[in-house]
Amino acid sequence: HELRVESRDAIPRLTAWLASQGVEFRQLEAV
């Protein structure tokens, strides 16, 4: 049932892909 990704690579790639799909990201901005 399991699968494994490399988190150090997967999280930046997921972020970039979501941005390409129209999600806006703002870094260095604290709520």
ModelCIF file with pLDDT and N, C-alpha, C, O atoms, coordinates in Angstrom:
data_MODEL
#
_entry.id   MODEL 
#
_entity.id                         1 
_entity.type                       polymer 
_entity.pdbx_number_of_molecules   1 
#
_entity_poly.entity_id                      1 
_entity_poly.type                           'polypeptide(L)' 
_entity_poly.nstd_linkage                   no 
_entity_poly.nstd_monomer                   no 
_entity_poly.pdbx_seq_one_letter_code       HELRVESRDAIPRLTAWLASQGVEFRQLEAV 
_entity_poly.pdbx_seq_one_letter_code_can   HELRVESRDAIPRLTAWLASQGVEFRQLEAV 
_entity_poly.pdbx_strand_id                 A 
#
loop_
_entity_poly_seq.entity_id 
_entity_poly_seq.num 
_entity_poly_seq.mon_id 
_entity_poly_seq.hetero 
1 1  HIS n 
1 2  GLU n 
1 3  LEU n 
1 4  ARG n 
1 5  VAL n 
1 6  GLU n 
1 7  SER n 
1 8  ARG n 
1 9  ASP n 
1 10 ALA n 
1 11 ILE n 
1 12 PRO n 
1 13 ARG n 
1 14 LEU n 
1 15 THR n 
1 16 ALA n 
1 17 TRP n 
1 18 LEU n 
1 19 ALA n 
1 20 SER n 
1 21 GLN n 
1 22 GLY n 
1 23 VAL n 
1 24 GLU n 
1 25 PHE n 
1 26 ARG n 
1 27 GLN n 
1 28 LEU n 
1 29 GLU n 
1 30 ALA n 
1 31 VAL n 
#
_struct_asym.id          A 
_struct_asym.entity_id   1 
#
loop_
_ma_qa_metric.id 
_ma_qa_metric.mode 
_ma_qa_metric.name 
_ma_qa_metric.software_group_id 
_ma_qa_metric.type 
1 global pLDDT . pLDDT 
2 local  pLDDT . pLDDT 
#
_ma_qa_metric_global.metric_id      1 
_ma_qa_metric_global.metric_value   96.58 
_ma_qa_metric_global.model_id       1 
_ma_qa_metric_global.ordinal_id     1 
#
loop_
_ma_qa_metric_local.label_asym_id 
_ma_qa_metric_local.label_comp_id 
_ma_qa_metric_local.label_seq_id 
_ma_qa_metric_local.metric_id 
_ma_qa_metric_local.metric_value 
_ma_qa_metric_local.model_id 
_ma_qa_metric_local.ordinal_id 
A HIS 1  2 97.00 1 1  
A GLU 2  2 96.00 1 2  
A LEU 3  2 95.00 1 3  
A ARG 4  2 96.00 1 4  
A VAL 5  2 96.00 1 5  
A GLU 6  2 94.00 1 6  
A SER 7  2 94.00 1 7  
A ARG 8  2 94.00 1 8  
A ASP 9  2 95.00 1 9  
A ALA 10 2 96.00 1 10 
A ILE 11 2 97.00 1 11 
A PRO 12 2 97.00 1 12 
A ARG 13 2 97.00 1 13 
A LEU 14 2 98.00 1 14 
A THR 15 2 98.00 1 15 
A ALA 16 2 98.00 1 16 
A TRP 17 2 98.00 1 17 
A LEU 18 2 98.00 1 18 
A ALA 19 2 98.00 1 19 
A SER 20 2 98.00 1 20 
A GLN 21 2 97.00 1 21 
A GLY 22 2 97.00 1 22 
A VAL 23 2 98.00 1 23 
A GLU 24 2 97.00 1 24 
A PHE 25 2 97.00 1 25 
A ARG 26 2 96.00 1 26 
A GLN 27 2 96.00 1 27 
A LEU 28 2 97.00 1 28 
A GLU 29 2 96.00 1 29 
A ALA 30 2 96.00 1 30 
A VAL 31 2 97.00 1 31 
#
loop_
_atom_site.group_PDB 
_atom_site.id 
_atom_site.type_symbol 
_atom_site.label_atom_id 
_atom_site.label_alt_id 
_atom_site.label_comp_id 
_atom_site.label_asym_id 
_atom_site.label_entity_id 
_atom_site.label_seq_id 
_atom_site.pdbx_PDB_ins_code 
_atom_site.Cartn_x 
_atom_site.Cartn_y 
_atom_site.Cartn_z 
_atom_site.occupancy 
_atom_site.B_iso_or_equiv 
_atom_site.pdbx_formal_charge 
_atom_site.auth_seq_id 
_atom_site.auth_comp_id 
_atom_site.auth_asym_id 
_atom_site.auth_atom_id 
_atom_site.pdbx_PDB_model_num 
ATOM 1   N N  . HIS A 1 1  ? 0.782  -1.236 0.000   1.00 97.00 ? 1  HIS A N  1 
ATOM 2   C CA . HIS A 1 1  ? 0.000  0.000  0.000   1.00 97.00 ? 1  HIS A CA 1 
ATOM 3   C C  . HIS A 1 1  ? 0.815  1.288  0.000   1.00 97.00 ? 1  HIS A C  1 
ATOM 4   O O  . HIS A 1 1  ? 0.279  2.344  -0.333  1.00 97.00 ? 1  HIS A O  1 
ATOM 5   N N  . GLU A 1 2  ? 2.088  1.233  0.362   1.00 96.00 ? 2  GLU A N  1 
ATOM 6   C CA . GLU A 1 2  ? 2.864  2.448  0.594   1.00 96.00 ? 2  GLU A CA 1 
ATOM 7   C C  . GLU A 1 2  ? 3.567  2.934  -0.674  1.00 96.00 ? 2  GLU A C  1 
ATOM 8   O O  . GLU A 1 2  ? 3.736  2.189  -1.639  1.00 96.00 ? 2  GLU A O  1 
ATOM 9   N N  . LEU A 1 3  ? 3.969  4.198  -0.643  1.00 95.00 ? 3  LEU A N  1 
ATOM 10  C CA . LEU A 1 3  ? 4.894  4.718  -1.643  1.00 95.00 ? 3  LEU A CA 1 
ATOM 11  C C  . LEU A 1 3  ? 5.817  5.724  -0.970  1.00 95.00 ? 3  LEU A C  1 
ATOM 12  O O  . LEU A 1 3  ? 5.528  6.226  0.116   1.00 95.00 ? 3  LEU A O  1 
ATOM 13  N N  . ARG A 1 4  ? 6.928  6.008  -1.631  1.00 96.00 ? 4  ARG A N  1 
ATOM 14  C CA . ARG A 1 4  ? 7.921  6.902  -1.030  1.00 96.00 ? 4  ARG A CA 1 
ATOM 15  C C  . ARG A 1 4  ? 8.435  7.902  -2.051  1.00 96.00 ? 4  ARG A C  1 
ATOM 16  O O  . ARG A 1 4  ? 8.814  7.537  -3.164  1.00 96.00 ? 4  ARG A O  1 
ATOM 17  N N  . VAL A 1 5  ? 8.440  9.185  -1.651  1.00 96.00 ? 5  VAL A N  1 
ATOM 18  C CA . VAL A 1 5  ? 9.038  10.260 -2.439  1.00 96.00 ? 5  VAL A CA 1 
ATOM 19  C C  . VAL A 1 5  ? 10.178 10.863 -1.614  1.00 96.00 ? 5  VAL A C  1 
ATOM 20  O O  . VAL A 1 5  ? 10.288 10.593 -0.418  1.00 96.00 ? 5  VAL A O  1 
ATOM 21  N N  . GLU A 1 6  ? 11.013 11.667 -2.239  1.00 94.00 ? 6  GLU A N  1 
ATOM 22  C CA . GLU A 1 6  ? 12.067 12.384 -1.529  1.00 94.00 ? 6  GLU A CA 1 
ATOM 23  C C  . GLU A 1 6  ? 11.516 13.750 -1.164  1.00 94.00 ? 6  GLU A C  1 
ATOM 24  O O  . GLU A 1 6  ? 11.356 14.607 -2.033  1.00 94.00 ? 6  GLU A O  1 
ATOM 25  N N  . SER A 1 7  ? 11.224 13.965 0.121   1.00 94.00 ? 7  SER A N  1 
ATOM 26  C CA . SER A 1 7  ? 10.506 15.165 0.543   1.00 94.00 ? 7  SER A CA 1 
ATOM 27  C C  . SER A 1 7  ? 11.235 16.448 0.162   1.00 94.00 ? 7  SER A C  1 
ATOM 28  O O  . SER A 1 7  ? 10.595 17.427 -0.221  1.00 94.00 ? 7  SER A O  1 
ATOM 29  N N  . ARG A 1 8  ? 12.542 16.460 0.260   1.00 94.00 ? 8  ARG A N  1 
ATOM 30  C CA . ARG A 1 8  ? 13.297 17.678 -0.053  1.00 94.00 ? 8  ARG A CA 1 
ATOM 31  C C  . ARG A 1 8  ? 13.088 18.111 -1.502  1.00 94.00 ? 8  ARG A C  1 
ATOM 32  O O  . ARG A 1 8  ? 13.164 19.297 -1.824  1.00 94.00 ? 8  ARG A O  1 
ATOM 33  N N  . ASP A 1 9  ? 12.828 17.155 -2.352  1.00 95.00 ? 9  ASP A N  1 
ATOM 34  C CA . ASP A 1 9  ? 12.570 17.433 -3.762  1.00 95.00 ? 9  ASP A CA 1 
ATOM 35  C C  . ASP A 1 9  ? 11.077 17.561 -4.033  1.00 95.00 ? 9  ASP A C  1 
ATOM 36  O O  . ASP A 1 9  ? 10.652 18.407 -4.819  1.00 95.00 ? 9  ASP A O  1 
ATOM 37  N N  . ALA A 1 10 ? 10.276 16.709 -3.371  1.00 96.00 ? 10 ALA A N  1 
ATOM 38  C CA . ALA A 1 10 ? 8.848  16.641 -3.685  1.00 96.00 ? 10 ALA A CA 1 
ATOM 39  C C  . ALA A 1 10 ? 8.096  17.901 -3.272  1.00 96.00 ? 10 ALA A C  1 
ATOM 40  O O  . ALA A 1 10 ? 7.230  18.365 -4.013  1.00 96.00 ? 10 ALA A O  1 
ATOM 41  N N  . ILE A 1 11 ? 8.408  18.462 -2.109  1.00 97.00 ? 11 ILE A N  1 
ATOM 42  C CA . ILE A 1 11 ? 7.664  19.630 -1.642  1.00 97.00 ? 11 ILE A CA 1 
ATOM 43  C C  . ILE A 1 11 ? 7.909  20.842 -2.539  1.00 97.00 ? 11 ILE A C  1 
ATOM 44  O O  . ILE A 1 11 ? 6.941  21.509 -2.904  1.00 97.00 ? 11 ILE A O  1 
ATOM 45  N N  . PRO A 1 12 ? 9.148  21.162 -2.913  1.00 97.00 ? 12 PRO A N  1 
ATOM 46  C CA . PRO A 1 12 ? 9.332  22.276 -3.874  1.00 97.00 ? 12 PRO A CA 1 
ATOM 47  C C  . PRO A 1 12 ? 8.672  22.017 -5.223  1.00 97.00 ? 12 PRO A C  1 
ATOM 48  O O  . PRO A 1 12 ? 8.124  22.937 -5.831  1.00 97.00 ? 12 PRO A O  1 
ATOM 49  N N  . ARG A 1 13 ? 8.719  20.781 -5.691  1.00 97.00 ? 13 ARG A N  1 
ATOM 50  C CA . ARG A 1 13 ? 8.099  20.480 -6.983  1.00 97.00 ? 13 ARG A CA 1 
ATOM 51  C C  . ARG A 1 13 ? 6.574  20.593 -6.907  1.00 97.00 ? 13 ARG A C  1 
ATOM 52  O O  . ARG A 1 13 ? 5.934  21.088 -7.835  1.00 97.00 ? 13 ARG A O  1 
ATOM 53  N N  . LEU A 1 14 ? 6.004  20.133 -5.804  1.00 98.00 ? 14 LEU A N  1 
ATOM 54  C CA . LEU A 1 14 ? 4.557  20.255 -5.632  1.00 98.00 ? 14 LEU A CA 1 
ATOM 55  C C  . LEU A 1 14 ? 4.153  21.725 -5.572  1.00 98.00 ? 14 LEU A C  1 
ATOM 56  O O  . LEU A 1 14 ? 3.144  22.126 -6.151  1.00 98.00 ? 14 LEU A O  1 
ATOM 57  N N  . THR A 1 15 ? 4.951  22.524 -4.865  1.00 98.00 ? 15 THR A N  1 
ATOM 58  C CA . THR A 1 15 ? 4.682  23.962 -4.781  1.00 98.00 ? 15 THR A CA 1 
ATOM 59  C C  . THR A 1 15 ? 4.723  24.606 -6.168  1.00 98.00 ? 15 THR A C  1 
ATOM 60  O O  . THR A 1 15 ? 3.824  25.365 -6.533  1.00 98.00 ? 15 THR A O  1 
ATOM 61  N N  . ALA A 1 16 ? 5.759  24.302 -6.930  1.00 98.00 ? 16 ALA A N  1 
ATOM 62  C CA . ALA A 1 16 ? 5.901  24.893 -8.264  1.00 98.00 ? 16 ALA A CA 1 
ATOM 63  C C  . ALA A 1 16 ? 4.759  24.461 -9.173  1.00 98.00 ? 16 ALA A C  1 
ATOM 64  O O  . ALA A 1 16 ? 4.257  25.259 -9.963  1.00 98.00 ? 16 ALA A O  1 
ATOM 65  N N  . TRP A 1 17 ? 4.351  23.211 -9.066  1.00 98.00 ? 17 TRP A N  1 
ATOM 66  C CA . TRP A 1 17 ? 3.262  22.733 -9.921  1.00 98.00 ? 17 TRP A CA 1 
ATOM 67  C C  . TRP A 1 17 ? 1.939  23.402 -9.555  1.00 98.00 ? 17 TRP A C  1 
ATOM 68  O O  . TRP A 1 17 ? 1.172  23.783 -10.439 1.00 98.00 ? 17 TRP A O  1 
ATOM 69  N N  . LEU A 1 18 ? 1.671  23.544 -8.265  1.00 98.00 ? 18 LEU A N  1 
ATOM 70  C CA . LEU A 1 18 ? 0.453  24.235 -7.847  1.00 98.00 ? 18 LEU A CA 1 
ATOM 71  C C  . LEU A 1 18 ? 0.452  25.682 -8.346  1.00 98.00 ? 18 LEU A C  1 
ATOM 72  O O  . LEU A 1 18 ? -0.580 26.205 -8.766  1.00 98.00 ? 18 LEU A O  1 
ATOM 73  N N  . ALA A 1 19 ? 1.619  26.315 -8.293  1.00 98.00 ? 19 ALA A N  1 
ATOM 74  C CA . ALA A 1 19 ? 1.716  27.688 -8.815  1.00 98.00 ? 19 ALA A CA 1 
ATOM 75  C C  . ALA A 1 19 ? 1.401  27.722 -10.311 1.00 98.00 ? 19 ALA A C  1 
ATOM 76  O O  . ALA A 1 19 ? 0.753  28.654 -10.788 1.00 98.00 ? 19 ALA A O  1 
ATOM 77  N N  . SER A 1 20 ? 1.855  26.717 -11.044 1.00 98.00 ? 20 SER A N  1 
ATOM 78  C CA . SER A 1 20 ? 1.579  26.660 -12.484 1.00 98.00 ? 20 SER A CA 1 
ATOM 79  C C  . SER A 1 20 ? 0.101  26.422 -12.775 1.00 98.00 ? 20 SER A C  1 
ATOM 80  O O  . SER A 1 20 ? -0.379 26.708 -13.872 1.00 98.00 ? 20 SER A O  1 
ATOM 81  N N  . GLN A 1 21 ? -0.622 25.891 -11.771 1.00 97.00 ? 21 GLN A N  1 
ATOM 82  C CA . GLN A 1 21 ? -2.048 25.631 -11.917 1.00 97.00 ? 21 GLN A CA 1 
ATOM 83  C C  . GLN A 1 21 ? -2.910 26.797 -11.433 1.00 97.00 ? 21 GLN A C  1 
ATOM 84  O O  . GLN A 1 21 ? -4.138 26.703 -11.415 1.00 97.00 ? 21 GLN A O  1 
ATOM 85  N N  . GLY A 1 22 ? -2.256 27.900 -11.040 1.00 97.00 ? 22 GLY A N  1 
ATOM 86  C CA . GLY A 1 22 ? -3.000 29.099 -10.699 1.00 97.00 ? 22 GLY A CA 1 
ATOM 87  C C  . GLY A 1 22 ? -3.033 29.461 -9.228  1.00 97.00 ? 22 GLY A C  1 
ATOM 88  O O  . GLY A 1 22 ? -3.589 30.498 -8.866  1.00 97.00 ? 22 GLY A O  1 
ATOM 89  N N  . VAL A 1 23 ? -2.444 28.622 -8.358  1.00 98.00 ? 23 VAL A N  1 
ATOM 90  C CA . VAL A 1 23 ? -2.375 28.969 -6.938  1.00 98.00 ? 23 VAL A CA 1 
ATOM 91  C C  . VAL A 1 23 ? -1.297 30.030 -6.753  1.00 98.00 ? 23 VAL A C  1 
ATOM 92  O O  . VAL A 1 23 ? -0.182 29.873 -7.251  1.00 98.00 ? 23 VAL A O  1 
ATOM 93  N N  . GLU A 1 24 ? -1.617 31.101 -6.046  1.00 97.00 ? 24 GLU A N  1 
ATOM 94  C CA . GLU A 1 24 ? -0.644 32.165 -5.790  1.00 97.00 ? 24 GLU A CA 1 
ATOM 95  C C  . GLU A 1 24 ? 0.081  31.876 -4.473  1.00 97.00 ? 24 GLU A C  1 
ATOM 96  O O  . GLU A 1 24 ? -0.536 31.446 -3.498  1.00 97.00 ? 24 GLU A O  1 
ATOM 97  N N  . PHE A 1 25 ? 1.388  32.114 -4.455  1.00 97.00 ? 25 PHE A N  1 
ATOM 98  C CA . PHE A 1 25 ? 2.186  31.931 -3.249  1.00 97.00 ? 25 PHE A CA 1 
ATOM 99  C C  . PHE A 1 25 ? 2.867  33.242 -2.884  1.00 97.00 ? 25 PHE A C  1 
ATOM 100 O O  . PHE A 1 25 ? 3.397  33.947 -3.743  1.00 97.00 ? 25 PHE A O  1 
ATOM 101 N N  . ARG A 1 26 ? 2.841  33.548 -1.612  1.00 96.00 ? 26 ARG A N  1 
ATOM 102 C CA . ARG A 1 26 ? 3.605  34.685 -1.098  1.00 96.00 ? 26 ARG A CA 1 
ATOM 103 C C  . ARG A 1 26 ? 4.510  34.175 0.013   1.00 96.00 ? 26 ARG A C  1 
ATOM 104 O O  . ARG A 1 26 ? 4.041  33.706 1.050   1.00 96.00 ? 26 ARG A O  1 
ATOM 105 N N  . GLN A 1 27 ? 5.823  34.276 -0.223  1.00 96.00 ? 27 GLN A N  1 
ATOM 106 C CA . GLN A 1 27 ? 6.805  33.868 0.771   1.00 96.00 ? 27 GLN A CA 1 
ATOM 107 C C  . GLN A 1 27 ? 7.289  35.075 1.565   1.00 96.00 ? 27 GLN A C  1 
ATOM 108 O O  . GLN A 1 27 ? 7.080  36.223 1.172   1.00 96.00 ? 27 GLN A O  1 
ATOM 109 N N  . LEU A 1 28 ? 7.932  34.794 2.674   1.00 97.00 ? 28 LEU A N  1 
ATOM 110 C CA . LEU A 1 28 ? 8.505  35.813 3.551   1.00 97.00 ? 28 LEU A CA 1 
ATOM 111 C C  . LEU A 1 28 ? 7.449  36.819 4.003   1.00 97.00 ? 28 LEU A C  1 
ATOM 112 O O  . LEU A 1 28 ? 7.727  38.011 4.134   1.00 97.00 ? 28 LEU A O  1 
ATOM 113 N N  . GLU A 1 29 ? 6.245  36.326 4.238   1.00 96.00 ? 29 GLU A N  1 
ATOM 114 C CA . GLU A 1 29 ? 5.139  37.161 4.692   1.00 96.00 ? 29 GLU A CA 1 
ATOM 115 C C  . GLU A 1 29 ? 4.447  36.421 5.841   1.00 96.00 ? 29 GLU A C  1 
ATOM 116 O O  . GLU A 1 29 ? 3.822  35.381 5.635   1.00 96.00 ? 29 GLU A O  1 
ATOM 117 N N  . ALA A 1 30 ? 4.565  36.962 7.030   1.00 96.00 ? 30 ALA A N  1 
ATOM 118 C CA . ALA A 1 30 ? 4.003  36.308 8.207   1.00 96.00 ? 30 ALA A CA 1 
ATOM 119 C C  . ALA A 1 30 ? 2.604  36.827 8.491   1.00 96.00 ? 30 ALA A C  1 
ATOM 120 O O  . ALA A 1 30 ? 2.337  38.023 8.371   1.00 96.00 ? 30 ALA A O  1 
ATOM 121 N N  . VAL A 1 31 ? 1.720  35.922 8.865   1.00 97.00 ? 31 VAL A N  1 
ATOM 122 C CA . VAL A 1 31 ? 0.372  36.300 9.273   1.00 97.00 ? 31 VAL A CA 1 
ATOM 123 C C  . VAL A 1 31 ? 0.388  36.589 10.765  1.00 97.00 ? 31 VAL A C  1 
ATOM 124 O O  . VAL A 1 31 ? -0.646 36.930 11.339  1.00 97.00 ? 31 VAL A O  1 
#
